[in-house]
Structure formats: C-alpha cells, structure tokens
Protein backbone atom coordinates (compact mmCIF):
# COMPACT_ATOMS: atom_id res chain seq x y z
CA MET A 1 35.14 -6.77 -101.93
CA SER A 2 38.70 -6.64 -100.71
CA PHE A 3 40.01 -4.06 -98.28
CA GLU A 4 43.47 -2.64 -97.84
CA VAL A 5 45.21 -4.13 -94.76
CA PRO A 6 48.82 -2.88 -94.56
CA GLU A 7 51.29 -5.41 -93.14
CA ASP A 8 53.23 -2.78 -91.12
CA ARG A 9 50.45 -2.28 -88.55
CA ASN A 10 48.68 -4.05 -85.73
CA TYR A 11 44.90 -4.08 -85.41
CA LEU A 12 42.16 -4.15 -82.79
CA GLU A 13 39.11 -6.33 -83.41
CA SER A 14 37.11 -3.06 -83.27
CA HIS A 15 38.86 -1.92 -86.50
CA GLU A 16 41.48 0.55 -85.24
CA TRP A 17 45.12 0.28 -86.35
CA VAL A 18 48.46 1.35 -84.91
CA ALA A 19 51.74 1.74 -86.78
CA VAL A 20 54.72 1.97 -84.40
CA ASN A 21 58.00 3.72 -85.15
CA ASP A 22 60.62 4.37 -82.42
CA GLY A 23 58.16 4.09 -79.54
CA THR A 24 55.53 6.31 -81.16
CA GLY A 25 52.28 4.85 -82.45
CA LYS A 26 50.20 6.46 -85.16
CA ILE A 27 46.53 5.46 -84.82
CA GLY A 28 43.57 5.45 -87.19
CA ILE A 29 40.66 3.31 -88.36
CA THR A 30 40.82 0.66 -91.05
CA ASP A 31 39.66 0.72 -94.64
CA PHE A 32 36.95 -1.80 -93.67
CA ALA A 33 35.73 0.46 -90.83
CA GLN A 34 35.51 3.60 -92.96
CA ASP A 35 33.61 1.61 -95.61
CA GLU A 36 31.12 0.30 -93.03
CA LEU A 37 30.61 3.79 -91.58
CA GLY A 38 30.00 5.54 -94.88
CA ASP A 39 30.79 9.23 -95.28
CA VAL A 40 32.55 10.52 -92.16
CA VAL A 41 31.25 13.96 -91.18
CA PHE A 42 32.85 14.52 -87.75
CA VAL A 43 35.71 13.13 -85.67
CA GLU A 44 36.09 13.84 -81.95
CA LEU A 45 39.57 13.11 -80.60
CA PRO A 46 41.47 13.60 -77.33
CA SER A 47 43.93 16.46 -76.83
CA GLU A 48 47.71 16.39 -76.79
CA GLY A 49 48.90 15.29 -73.37
CA ASP A 50 45.85 13.08 -72.69
CA GLU A 51 46.52 9.55 -71.45
CA LEU A 52 45.03 6.59 -73.29
CA GLU A 53 44.53 3.04 -72.02
CA GLN A 54 44.73 0.03 -74.33
CA GLU A 55 41.19 -0.72 -75.53
CA GLY A 56 39.94 2.40 -73.72
CA ASN A 57 37.82 4.98 -75.50
CA LEU A 58 39.83 7.44 -77.59
CA GLY A 59 37.05 9.39 -79.24
CA VAL A 60 34.08 9.25 -81.59
CA VAL A 61 33.65 9.14 -85.33
CA GLU A 62 30.35 10.30 -86.77
CA SER A 63 29.16 9.39 -90.24
CA ILE A 64 25.95 9.91 -92.18
CA LYS A 65 24.92 6.41 -91.00
CA ALA A 66 26.10 6.15 -87.39
CA VAL A 67 28.07 7.45 -84.44
CA SER A 68 30.80 5.02 -83.37
CA ASP A 69 33.17 4.96 -80.42
CA LEU A 70 36.87 4.63 -81.18
CA TYR A 71 39.18 2.49 -79.05
CA SER A 72 42.91 2.81 -78.51
CA PRO A 73 45.07 -0.11 -79.67
CA VAL A 74 47.77 0.92 -77.15
CA SER A 75 48.27 2.74 -73.86
CA GLY A 76 50.23 5.98 -73.88
CA THR A 77 50.30 9.76 -74.00
CA VAL A 78 48.85 11.63 -76.99
CA THR A 79 51.68 13.57 -78.65
CA ALA A 80 49.89 14.75 -81.81
CA VAL A 81 46.34 15.05 -83.13
CA ASN A 82 45.48 15.26 -86.83
CA ASP A 83 43.95 18.75 -86.87
CA GLU A 84 43.12 18.37 -90.58
CA LEU A 85 40.20 16.13 -89.60
CA GLU A 86 38.44 19.05 -87.93
CA ASN A 87 37.75 20.72 -91.28
CA THR A 88 38.10 17.72 -93.60
CA PRO A 89 36.84 14.60 -91.77
CA GLU A 90 36.38 12.91 -95.16
CA LEU A 91 40.16 12.24 -95.16
CA VAL A 92 39.24 9.23 -93.00
CA ASN A 93 37.29 7.84 -95.99
CA ASP A 94 39.72 8.96 -98.69
CA ASP A 95 42.95 7.72 -97.09
CA PRO A 96 42.38 5.81 -93.81
CA PHE A 97 46.01 4.63 -93.59
CA GLY A 98 47.59 7.91 -94.72
CA ASP A 99 46.21 11.45 -94.42
CA GLY A 100 43.21 10.13 -92.47
CA TRP A 101 45.32 9.12 -89.43
CA MET A 102 43.86 10.33 -86.14
CA LEU A 103 46.56 10.68 -83.50
CA GLU A 104 50.06 9.84 -82.39
CA VAL A 105 50.83 8.33 -79.01
CA GLU A 106 54.04 7.80 -77.06
CA LEU A 107 53.67 4.15 -76.06
CA ASP A 108 53.77 3.16 -72.41
CA ASP A 109 54.56 -0.48 -73.17
CA GLU A 110 55.43 -1.87 -76.62
CA SER A 111 54.67 -5.40 -75.41
CA GLU A 112 50.96 -4.44 -75.68
CA LEU A 113 51.38 -4.90 -79.43
CA ASP A 114 51.46 -8.66 -78.75
CA ASP A 115 47.78 -8.40 -77.72
CA LEU A 116 46.76 -7.00 -81.12
CA LEU A 117 45.91 -8.72 -84.38
CA SER A 118 48.47 -9.04 -87.17
CA ALA A 119 47.45 -7.99 -90.68
CA ASP A 120 46.71 -11.65 -91.54
CA GLU A 121 44.60 -12.16 -88.41
CA TYR A 122 42.68 -8.94 -89.09
CA ARG A 123 42.11 -9.96 -92.73
CA GLU A 124 40.61 -13.27 -91.52
CA GLN A 125 38.28 -11.38 -89.18
CA ILE A 126 36.81 -9.15 -91.88
CA GLU A 127 36.43 -11.80 -94.60
C-alpha cells in the first residue's frame, strides 16, 4: 500500500508533519498515521497562545483502536487551532494533509526544520 507523502513538508519520525509558509507552520499527522490509527473519534489540541517545544507533546488523538500522543515538529506559539476537528474529527482520516490539519504555529527557529525528515526520508521510514 502506498501513502501520500507531500514534498512540501517536513516530517517527524512519530508521523507528524509541518508545512512552513512565511514563518508559520501548519501541523498535522500523516496519511500513514491516520491509516494506522483507524477511525479518529477525538482530537485534543492546545489552545491559541500556548507554547510548543520541538518534539514536545502537542495533544492526543483518539481512534477506535488506540489513544496516541501527538508531538510537535517545531517549537513556537500556537496561532490557530482547527476547530472543525472538535465536531468532525474524521477530517483527520479523510484529508490528513488538507482539512484535517491540526494547528498553526509561529515558529521560534526555522533552523529546527533541518532536524526533521524530508519527504523522501519519511517515505523510506514507512516502507
């Protein structure tokens, strides 16, 4: 089975992605992660204004199979949370790289992206 791995993102080994545009990172989980989890029924995320540390906990995703911690690919301040996930957590399954995004963060240090996996490196990990 092949999974979508967009080239315009960086990835954590724990299956979170970040797409950066003008110092703001949009964060979510990968297609592989949502497939492994099964049907997502609940997502717990931080609030706007919260500070995140790279590889620190950023919340929890609960599926019919498991409860999994989420980790932040970057350090920064949460500037937006995808409120849609409160009522429709299945967006994470339906569109993990689009409508199923989780939060936006103002990056503290863009050089942290160098510590993350490229799309090719992430693809190798999940094969």
